[in-house]
Amino acid sequence: MHQLVALWRAEATKHTKHSGIGSINPHRCVERLIRYTDDFVVMARYMGTRITDWLIGTIEDQLQLSINREKTKVVKMNHPGASLDFLGFTMREDNDLHGRNRKYLNTFPSTQAASRYRERLRSVTASGYKRSLRDTIATVNDINRGWKNYFKLGYPRQCFRELNWFVLNRFKSFINHRRQRRCRPIKDGESLYSGLRRLGYEPL
């Protein structure tokens, strides 16, 4: 896919000098082409057929690659409720948090990314998981550190709060199963959160 970027830059350079009628001029129409492995996003002020036809022709005819039609779409970010999912993030224009007459680009972990996180946490906190509570906390901490470092951009706080609550409930179930084996890691009068923090738990 790096060839697409090279061809795009070549096309932009060519039409900087010769911007003929009916031609695509990426410098004039497009803000940026962002690529990661096989996925890419084209950010444009106006996504017309000249751009889409050039992309389709270059990718499928010249590079002999296939486009996933189910995943490919044009998103008008200034339309109410419109959002873009890319690399695990959801990007959406929302009203200003302070009530001002403006919008901001809200960027936060996507629903799919949060679902994958929950599935990972379920697997390491399942009742049949054969590791101690301290070892399990250490595993969850490793997952949380990686997740936090990746998704710290934008406005992830609400998603982090929801996932932290999910983790607490997973640990509650995890500890309750071990209480049947006379394992009581949470002290009397101590909240679950305080007990887990004392044992080294690091939330998102």
Protein backbone atom coordinates (compact mmCIF):
# COMPACT_ATOMS: atom_id res chain seq x y z
CA MET A 1 0.00 0.00 0.00
CA HIS A 2 3.03 2.31 0.29
CA GLN A 3 2.95 2.39 -3.54
CA LEU A 4 -0.41 4.16 -3.36
CA VAL A 5 1.13 6.95 -1.29
CA ALA A 6 4.00 7.31 -3.76
CA LEU A 7 1.59 7.47 -6.71
CA TRP A 8 -0.58 9.98 -4.89
CA ARG A 9 2.40 12.25 -4.24
CA ALA A 10 3.48 11.94 -7.85
CA GLU A 11 -0.02 12.89 -9.00
CA ALA A 12 -0.03 15.86 -6.64
CA THR A 13 3.34 17.05 -7.91
CA LYS A 14 2.27 16.68 -11.53
CA HIS A 15 -0.92 18.67 -11.10
CA THR A 16 0.78 21.36 -9.08
CA LYS A 17 2.35 22.31 -12.42
CA HIS A 18 -0.46 21.21 -14.75
CA SER A 19 -3.95 21.35 -13.29
CA GLY A 20 -6.05 20.50 -16.34
CA ILE A 21 -9.83 20.35 -16.56
CA GLY A 22 -11.18 17.05 -15.28
CA SER A 23 -7.93 16.12 -13.61
CA ILE A 24 -7.44 15.34 -9.94
CA ASN A 25 -5.40 17.87 -8.01
CA PRO A 26 -4.74 16.38 -4.55
CA HIS A 27 -3.04 19.55 -3.28
CA ARG A 28 -6.22 21.50 -3.99
CA CYS A 29 -8.85 18.93 -3.02
CA VAL A 30 -7.30 16.78 -0.34
CA GLU A 31 -5.87 17.59 3.05
CA ARG A 32 -4.16 14.30 3.76
CA LEU A 33 -3.87 10.61 2.93
CA ILE A 34 -3.22 8.52 6.05
CA ARG A 35 -2.11 4.89 5.68
CA TYR A 36 -1.46 2.10 8.17
CA THR A 37 -0.64 -1.35 6.74
CA ASP A 38 -3.59 -2.15 4.42
CA ASP A 39 -5.96 0.52 5.74
CA PHE A 40 -6.03 4.16 4.72
CA VAL A 41 -8.17 7.26 5.04
CA VAL A 42 -8.36 10.15 2.59
CA MET A 43 -9.30 13.43 4.22
CA ALA A 44 -10.83 15.85 1.72
CA ARG A 45 -12.81 19.07 1.73
CA TYR A 46 -14.95 17.55 -1.01
CA MET A 47 -14.92 13.85 -1.91
CA GLY A 48 -16.04 13.88 -5.54
CA THR A 49 -15.93 11.25 -8.26
CA ARG A 50 -12.58 12.51 -9.57
CA ILE A 51 -10.92 11.45 -6.32
CA THR A 52 -12.83 8.18 -5.87
CA ASP A 53 -12.36 7.18 -9.52
CA TRP A 54 -8.62 7.86 -9.28
CA LEU A 55 -8.35 5.78 -6.09
CA ILE A 56 -10.34 2.86 -7.51
CA GLY A 57 -8.43 2.87 -10.80
CA THR A 58 -5.03 3.13 -9.12
CA ILE A 59 -5.69 0.48 -6.46
CA GLU A 60 -7.55 -2.10 -8.51
CA ASP A 61 -6.21 -1.57 -12.05
CA GLN A 62 -2.68 -0.31 -11.56
CA LEU A 63 -1.72 -1.96 -8.27
CA GLN A 64 -3.90 -5.08 -8.81
CA LEU A 65 -5.30 -4.91 -5.27
CA SER A 66 -8.91 -5.32 -4.17
CA ILE A 67 -10.99 -2.81 -2.23
CA ASN A 68 -13.26 -4.06 0.55
CA ARG A 69 -16.53 -2.47 -0.54
CA GLU A 70 -18.21 -3.27 2.80
CA LYS A 71 -15.63 -1.31 4.78
CA THR A 72 -15.12 1.50 2.26
CA LYS A 73 -17.40 4.52 2.47
CA VAL A 74 -17.52 8.30 2.32
CA VAL A 75 -18.16 9.92 5.70
CA LYS A 76 -19.29 13.55 5.86
CA MET A 77 -17.95 14.47 9.26
CA ASN A 78 -19.96 17.68 9.54
CA HIS A 79 -23.28 15.78 9.33
CA PRO A 80 -25.03 15.17 12.69
CA GLY A 81 -24.15 11.76 14.09
CA ALA A 82 -21.54 10.97 11.45
CA SER A 83 -18.42 9.23 12.74
CA LEU A 84 -15.29 7.56 11.42
CA ASP A 85 -13.65 4.46 12.92
CA PHE A 86 -9.95 4.07 12.17
CA LEU A 87 -7.17 2.16 13.98
CA GLY A 88 -9.38 1.48 16.98
CA PHE A 89 -10.52 5.09 17.43
CA THR A 90 -13.90 6.67 16.75
CA MET A 91 -13.80 10.27 15.52
CA ARG A 92 -16.92 12.40 15.64
CA GLU A 93 -17.81 16.10 15.64
CA ASP A 94 -19.59 16.98 18.90
CA ASN A 95 -20.94 20.19 20.41
CA ASP A 96 -18.55 22.23 22.50
CA LEU A 97 -18.39 20.99 26.10
CA HIS A 98 -18.58 24.54 27.46
CA GLY A 99 -21.70 25.53 25.51
CA ARG A 100 -19.91 27.72 23.00
CA ASN A 101 -21.18 27.96 19.43
CA ARG A 102 -18.58 25.63 17.98
CA LYS A 103 -17.81 21.97 17.56
CA TYR A 104 -14.76 19.87 18.37
CA LEU A 105 -13.41 16.59 17.04
CA ASN A 106 -14.21 14.04 19.74
CA THR A 107 -11.76 11.14 19.55
CA PHE A 108 -12.21 8.10 21.77
CA PRO A 109 -11.82 4.27 21.73
CA SER A 110 -14.24 2.64 19.31
CA THR A 111 -17.00 0.28 20.42
CA GLN A 112 -15.19 -2.59 18.71
CA ALA A 113 -11.93 -1.79 20.54
CA ALA A 114 -13.76 -1.66 23.88
CA SER A 115 -15.42 -5.01 23.11
CA ARG A 116 -12.04 -6.61 22.40
CA TYR A 117 -10.76 -5.23 25.71
CA ARG A 118 -13.70 -6.76 27.57
CA GLU A 119 -13.15 -10.13 25.92
CA ARG A 120 -9.48 -10.07 26.89
CA LEU A 121 -10.36 -9.22 30.49
CA ARG A 122 -12.99 -11.97 30.62
CA SER A 123 -10.37 -14.51 29.57
CA VAL A 124 -7.92 -13.57 32.35
CA THR A 125 -10.54 -13.20 35.11
CA ALA A 126 -12.65 -16.27 34.33
CA SER A 127 -13.54 -18.56 37.22
CA GLY A 128 -11.38 -21.31 35.74
CA TYR A 129 -8.30 -19.10 35.46
CA LYS A 130 -5.54 -20.99 37.33
CA ARG A 131 -3.51 -18.08 38.67
CA SER A 132 -3.42 -16.22 41.96
CA LEU A 133 -5.17 -12.89 42.48
CA ARG A 134 -1.84 -11.02 42.58
CA ASP A 135 -0.71 -12.64 39.33
CA THR A 136 -4.07 -11.83 37.74
CA ILE A 137 -3.80 -8.20 38.86
CA ALA A 138 -0.33 -8.03 37.32
CA THR A 139 -1.71 -9.39 34.02
CA VAL A 140 -4.58 -6.88 34.04
CA ASN A 141 -2.11 -4.08 34.79
CA ASP A 142 -0.04 -5.04 31.73
CA ILE A 143 -3.18 -4.96 29.57
CA ASN A 144 -4.25 -1.61 31.04
CA ARG A 145 -0.86 0.01 30.54
CA GLY A 146 -0.79 -0.96 26.88
CA TRP A 147 -4.37 0.15 26.36
CA LYS A 148 -3.86 3.46 28.18
CA ASN A 149 -0.69 4.29 26.24
CA TYR A 150 -2.42 3.65 22.91
CA PHE A 151 -5.76 5.32 23.63
CA LYS A 152 -4.56 8.28 25.70
CA LEU A 153 -5.00 10.59 22.71
CA GLY A 154 -8.26 12.49 22.41
CA TYR A 155 -10.99 12.17 25.04
CA PRO A 156 -10.99 8.59 26.39
CA ARG A 157 -12.02 9.36 29.98
CA GLN A 158 -15.66 8.26 29.74
CA CYS A 159 -14.69 4.99 28.03
CA PHE A 160 -11.98 4.40 30.63
CA ARG A 161 -14.49 4.89 33.47
CA GLU A 162 -16.91 2.39 31.94
CA LEU A 163 -14.16 -0.19 31.43
CA ASN A 164 -12.79 0.33 34.95
CA TRP A 165 -16.27 -0.42 36.30
CA PHE A 166 -16.37 -3.55 34.14
CA VAL A 167 -12.99 -4.68 35.53
CA LEU A 168 -14.15 -4.16 39.11
CA ASN A 169 -17.14 -6.42 38.50
CA ARG A 170 -14.89 -9.03 36.91
CA PHE A 171 -12.62 -8.99 39.95
CA LYS A 172 -15.63 -9.21 42.24
CA SER A 173 -16.72 -12.42 40.52
CA PHE A 174 -13.13 -13.68 40.44
CA ILE A 175 -12.70 -13.17 44.22
CA ASN A 176 -16.13 -14.61 45.08
CA HIS A 177 -15.19 -17.90 43.39
CA ARG A 178 -12.01 -18.05 45.47
CA ARG A 179 -13.82 -17.29 48.73
CA GLN A 180 -15.25 -20.76 48.43
CA ARG A 181 -11.63 -21.91 48.86
CA ARG A 182 -11.12 -19.77 52.01
CA CYS A 183 -9.35 -17.04 50.07
CA ARG A 184 -10.25 -13.61 51.53
CA PRO A 185 -7.91 -10.98 50.04
CA ILE A 186 -10.22 -8.03 50.82
CA LYS A 187 -10.08 -6.94 54.46
CA ASP A 188 -13.21 -6.41 56.56
CA GLY A 189 -14.56 -2.89 56.05
CA GLU A 190 -12.44 -2.38 52.96
CA SER A 191 -14.03 -1.58 49.61
CA LEU A 192 -13.26 -3.77 46.64
CA TYR A 193 -11.53 -0.89 44.85
CA SER A 194 -9.38 -0.01 47.89
CA GLY A 195 -8.43 -3.65 48.37
CA LEU A 196 -7.41 -4.10 44.75
CA ARG A 197 -5.39 -0.88 44.83
CA ARG A 198 -3.62 -2.10 47.97
CA LEU A 199 -2.74 -5.28 46.08
CA GLY A 200 -1.28 -3.28 43.19
CA TYR A 201 -4.18 -2.84 40.75
CA GLU A 202 -3.72 0.03 38.27
CA PRO A 203 -6.98 1.17 36.60
CA LEU A 204 -7.19 2.83 33.22
